[in-house]
């Protein structure tokens, strides 16, 4: 309704092509991205997005915390794809990357009962060899390559920020491993992300607040 606080996705599928008809939205032939295939972008004071990609915020969720819904929906998508592989949360979990997305993944996994450890530099770690589930929350090609090389057969690896296109990979490094790329079009998980933000403690991840005018005057 008019006046509701909302959030929304940033990648839009057309809903008309064969891929969309088969609910393979990541393969949409005519998808667009907010600020790339649309005008204006997300830092505009006013913008329009398809109603199918808009989600009403819970009444007890702040607008500031709701800004995490998009990236958290990506994490929810990645974890949902692998949780059916594990009967319990009592598995060794490592997160590669200690930046914003890594922090967000750590908070979400904690909320779901996992006890993840975070690795900043894969090259100096041996811990990966004992992890059954590895969440890659960095776009560094070197870190991705090292992760694939150092993990053991049987490991499930979730890529949050990168796709393998263009990354040089030796076949031996992925033998007997499960690789999953979380989908940016994870809008079906937005409501789950909003509920997680409402129930969890994510405020510590937010380290600053900027108005649009401040951003324009002093870009980050």
Protein backbone atom coordinates (compact mmCIF):
# COMPACT_ATOMS: atom_id res chain seq x y z
CA UNK A 1 0.00 0.00 0.00
CA UNK A 2 1.04 3.62 -0.43
CA UNK A 3 3.21 4.67 2.49
CA UNK A 4 4.53 1.20 3.36
CA UNK A 5 8.24 0.77 4.04
CA UNK A 6 9.63 -1.67 1.48
CA UNK A 7 12.80 -3.14 0.06
CA UNK A 8 13.36 -4.98 -3.18
CA UNK A 9 15.58 -6.87 -5.56
CA UNK A 10 18.00 -5.31 -7.99
CA UNK A 11 17.99 -7.90 -10.79
CA UNK A 12 14.76 -8.33 -12.73
CA UNK A 13 13.73 -11.23 -14.94
CA UNK A 14 11.24 -10.58 -17.72
CA UNK A 15 8.74 -13.32 -16.85
CA UNK A 16 8.06 -13.93 -20.54
CA UNK A 17 10.91 -15.97 -22.00
CA UNK A 18 11.23 -19.77 -21.95
CA UNK A 19 13.72 -19.71 -19.06
CA UNK A 20 11.32 -17.69 -16.91
CA UNK A 21 8.46 -19.99 -17.90
CA UNK A 22 10.57 -22.85 -16.52
CA UNK A 23 11.39 -20.77 -13.39
CA UNK A 24 15.07 -20.64 -14.35
CA UNK A 25 15.23 -16.91 -13.67
CA UNK A 26 19.03 -16.71 -13.63
CA UNK A 27 18.96 -17.74 -17.30
CA UNK A 28 16.40 -15.08 -18.30
CA UNK A 29 17.06 -13.88 -21.83
CA UNK A 30 15.94 -10.30 -21.13
CA UNK A 31 16.90 -9.64 -17.52
CA UNK A 32 17.87 -6.15 -16.40
CA UNK A 33 19.71 -4.79 -13.39
CA UNK A 34 18.84 -1.73 -11.37
CA UNK A 35 21.09 1.14 -12.43
CA UNK A 36 22.51 -0.82 -15.38
CA UNK A 37 19.50 -1.79 -17.45
CA UNK A 38 17.28 0.83 -15.84
CA UNK A 39 17.27 4.55 -15.23
CA UNK A 40 17.52 5.86 -12.53
CA UNK A 41 19.67 3.72 -10.23
CA UNK A 42 19.38 2.75 -6.59
CA UNK A 43 21.00 5.93 -5.23
CA UNK A 44 18.26 8.09 -6.71
CA UNK A 45 15.76 9.70 -4.37
CA UNK A 46 12.89 8.18 -6.35
CA UNK A 47 12.74 5.11 -8.56
CA UNK A 48 10.37 2.44 -9.77
CA UNK A 49 10.83 -1.33 -9.76
CA UNK A 50 8.51 -4.17 -10.78
CA UNK A 51 5.93 -4.88 -8.09
CA UNK A 52 6.93 -8.56 -8.11
CA UNK A 53 10.33 -7.53 -6.72
CA UNK A 54 9.06 -5.36 -3.85
CA UNK A 55 8.74 -6.67 -0.29
CA UNK A 56 7.00 -5.01 2.63
CA UNK A 57 9.18 -4.66 5.71
CA UNK A 58 8.11 -6.18 9.04
CA UNK A 59 6.89 -3.45 11.36
CA UNK A 60 9.72 -4.04 13.83
CA UNK A 61 12.56 -3.96 11.26
CA UNK A 62 14.40 -0.66 10.81
CA UNK A 63 15.06 0.83 7.40
CA UNK A 64 18.79 0.76 8.15
CA UNK A 65 18.81 -2.96 8.88
CA UNK A 66 16.58 -3.63 5.87
CA UNK A 67 19.41 -2.45 3.60
CA UNK A 68 21.02 -5.85 4.31
CA UNK A 69 18.09 -7.78 2.84
CA UNK A 70 19.45 -7.97 -0.71
CA UNK A 71 22.87 -9.46 0.05
CA UNK A 72 21.39 -11.61 2.82
CA UNK A 73 18.86 -13.06 0.33
CA UNK A 74 21.85 -14.15 -1.76
CA UNK A 75 23.35 -15.92 1.26
CA UNK A 76 19.99 -17.51 2.12
CA UNK A 77 19.81 -18.82 -1.46
CA UNK A 78 23.30 -20.34 -1.27
CA UNK A 79 22.73 -22.00 2.11
CA UNK A 80 19.30 -23.30 1.09
CA UNK A 81 20.93 -25.10 -1.84
CA UNK A 82 23.26 -27.09 0.39
CA UNK A 83 21.38 -27.65 3.64
CA UNK A 84 19.61 -30.68 2.23
CA UNK A 85 23.05 -32.30 1.97
CA UNK A 86 23.58 -32.18 5.73
CA UNK A 87 21.23 -33.79 8.25
CA UNK A 88 22.34 -31.46 11.06
CA UNK A 89 24.21 -28.20 11.45
CA UNK A 90 27.04 -30.05 13.20
CA UNK A 91 29.44 -29.83 10.26
CA UNK A 92 32.74 -28.02 9.86
CA UNK A 93 32.06 -24.68 8.17
CA UNK A 94 34.61 -22.12 6.97
CA UNK A 95 33.94 -18.71 5.47
CA UNK A 96 36.61 -17.43 3.09
CA UNK A 97 36.66 -13.61 3.26
CA UNK A 98 36.24 -11.36 6.30
CA UNK A 99 34.60 -8.41 4.54
CA UNK A 100 31.00 -7.27 4.68
CA UNK A 101 29.54 -10.33 2.94
CA UNK A 102 31.63 -12.65 5.08
CA UNK A 103 30.36 -10.96 8.26
CA UNK A 104 26.80 -11.25 7.02
CA UNK A 105 27.24 -14.95 6.20
CA UNK A 106 28.80 -15.53 9.62
CA UNK A 107 25.82 -13.93 11.40
CA UNK A 108 23.29 -15.89 9.34
CA UNK A 109 25.06 -19.22 9.87
CA UNK A 110 25.27 -18.56 13.61
CA UNK A 111 21.56 -17.89 13.65
CA UNK A 112 20.94 -21.26 11.97
CA UNK A 113 23.00 -23.15 14.53
CA UNK A 114 26.31 -23.46 12.71
CA UNK A 115 29.66 -22.53 14.24
CA UNK A 116 31.61 -21.11 11.31
CA UNK A 117 35.20 -19.96 11.33
CA UNK A 118 36.44 -17.14 9.11
CA UNK A 119 39.56 -17.29 6.97
CA UNK A 120 41.07 -14.15 5.49
CA UNK A 121 44.05 -15.57 3.60
CA UNK A 122 43.52 -19.10 2.29
CA UNK A 123 47.18 -19.51 1.32
CA UNK A 124 48.30 -19.45 4.97
CA UNK A 125 45.59 -21.79 6.32
CA UNK A 126 45.34 -25.57 6.63
CA UNK A 127 41.92 -25.45 8.30
CA UNK A 128 40.10 -25.82 4.97
CA UNK A 129 41.11 -29.46 4.72
CA UNK A 130 38.78 -30.39 7.61
CA UNK A 131 35.80 -28.29 6.52
CA UNK A 132 32.81 -30.04 4.99
CA UNK A 133 31.19 -26.78 3.92
CA UNK A 134 33.10 -23.75 2.64
CA UNK A 135 31.41 -20.41 1.92
CA UNK A 136 33.46 -18.23 -0.44
CA UNK A 137 32.54 -14.60 0.29
CA UNK A 138 35.26 -12.93 -1.76
CA UNK A 139 35.62 -12.05 -5.43
CA UNK A 140 39.39 -12.60 -5.38
CA UNK A 141 40.30 -15.04 -8.15
CA UNK A 142 43.41 -16.10 -6.23
CA UNK A 143 41.39 -16.89 -3.12
CA UNK A 144 38.89 -18.90 -5.16
CA UNK A 145 41.68 -20.88 -6.81
CA UNK A 146 43.42 -21.54 -3.48
CA UNK A 147 40.13 -22.59 -1.89
CA UNK A 148 39.45 -25.11 -4.65
CA UNK A 149 43.01 -26.43 -4.43
CA UNK A 150 43.17 -26.78 -0.64
CA UNK A 151 39.76 -28.27 0.12
CA UNK A 152 39.38 -32.02 0.45
CA UNK A 153 37.32 -34.37 -1.76
CA UNK A 154 33.71 -34.41 -0.63
CA UNK A 155 33.71 -30.72 0.33
CA UNK A 156 30.73 -28.57 -0.65
CA UNK A 157 31.78 -25.09 -1.78
CA UNK A 158 29.33 -22.20 -2.11
CA UNK A 159 30.41 -19.21 -4.19
CA UNK A 160 28.65 -16.02 -3.07
CA UNK A 161 30.45 -13.25 -4.92
CA UNK A 162 31.95 -14.82 -7.97
CA UNK A 163 31.23 -17.04 -10.92
CA UNK A 164 33.78 -19.38 -12.42
CA UNK A 165 33.71 -17.77 -15.86
CA UNK A 166 37.27 -16.84 -16.75
CA UNK A 167 38.78 -18.36 -13.59
CA UNK A 168 41.55 -20.84 -14.38
CA UNK A 169 40.79 -24.10 -12.61
CA UNK A 170 42.69 -27.36 -12.71
CA UNK A 171 40.33 -30.35 -13.05
CA UNK A 172 42.02 -32.10 -10.10
CA UNK A 173 41.06 -29.17 -7.84
CA UNK A 174 37.33 -29.76 -8.27
CA UNK A 175 37.29 -33.56 -8.50
CA UNK A 176 34.78 -35.13 -6.09
CA UNK A 177 33.65 -31.73 -4.81
CA UNK A 178 30.28 -29.98 -5.03
CA UNK A 179 30.36 -26.40 -6.34
CA UNK A 180 27.31 -24.18 -5.96
CA UNK A 181 26.93 -20.61 -7.16
CA UNK A 182 24.38 -18.63 -5.15
CA UNK A 183 21.96 -16.81 -7.43
CA UNK A 184 21.80 -13.04 -7.48
CA UNK A 185 18.17 -13.48 -8.48
CA UNK A 186 17.40 -14.91 -5.06
CA UNK A 187 14.27 -12.81 -4.65
CA UNK A 188 12.30 -15.85 -3.57
CA UNK A 189 14.44 -15.74 -0.43
CA UNK A 190 13.85 -12.07 0.33
CA UNK A 191 11.08 -12.78 2.82
CA UNK A 192 13.29 -15.34 4.57
CA UNK A 193 16.06 -12.74 4.71
CA UNK A 194 13.71 -10.13 6.16
CA UNK A 195 12.57 -12.58 8.82
CA UNK A 196 16.18 -13.41 9.66
CA UNK A 197 16.99 -9.71 10.01
CA UNK A 198 13.99 -9.27 12.30
CA UNK A 199 14.92 -12.21 14.52
CA UNK A 200 18.70 -11.85 14.49
CA UNK A 201 21.35 -9.39 15.64
CA UNK A 202 22.75 -7.77 12.52
CA UNK A 203 23.03 -4.16 13.65
CA UNK A 204 26.75 -4.48 14.44
CA UNK A 205 27.45 -5.08 10.74
CA UNK A 206 26.20 -1.58 9.89
CA UNK A 207 29.21 0.67 10.47
CA UNK A 208 27.96 3.90 8.95
CA UNK A 209 24.95 5.84 7.77
CA UNK A 210 25.02 8.20 4.80
CA UNK A 211 22.34 10.33 3.25
CA UNK A 212 22.09 10.45 -0.53
CA UNK A 213 23.29 14.07 -0.45
CA UNK A 214 26.39 13.02 1.51
CA UNK A 215 27.08 10.21 -0.91
CA UNK A 216 26.86 12.52 -3.92
CA UNK A 217 29.10 15.12 -2.27
CA UNK A 218 31.68 12.62 -1.00
CA UNK A 219 31.45 9.26 -2.82
CA UNK A 220 32.74 6.26 -0.85
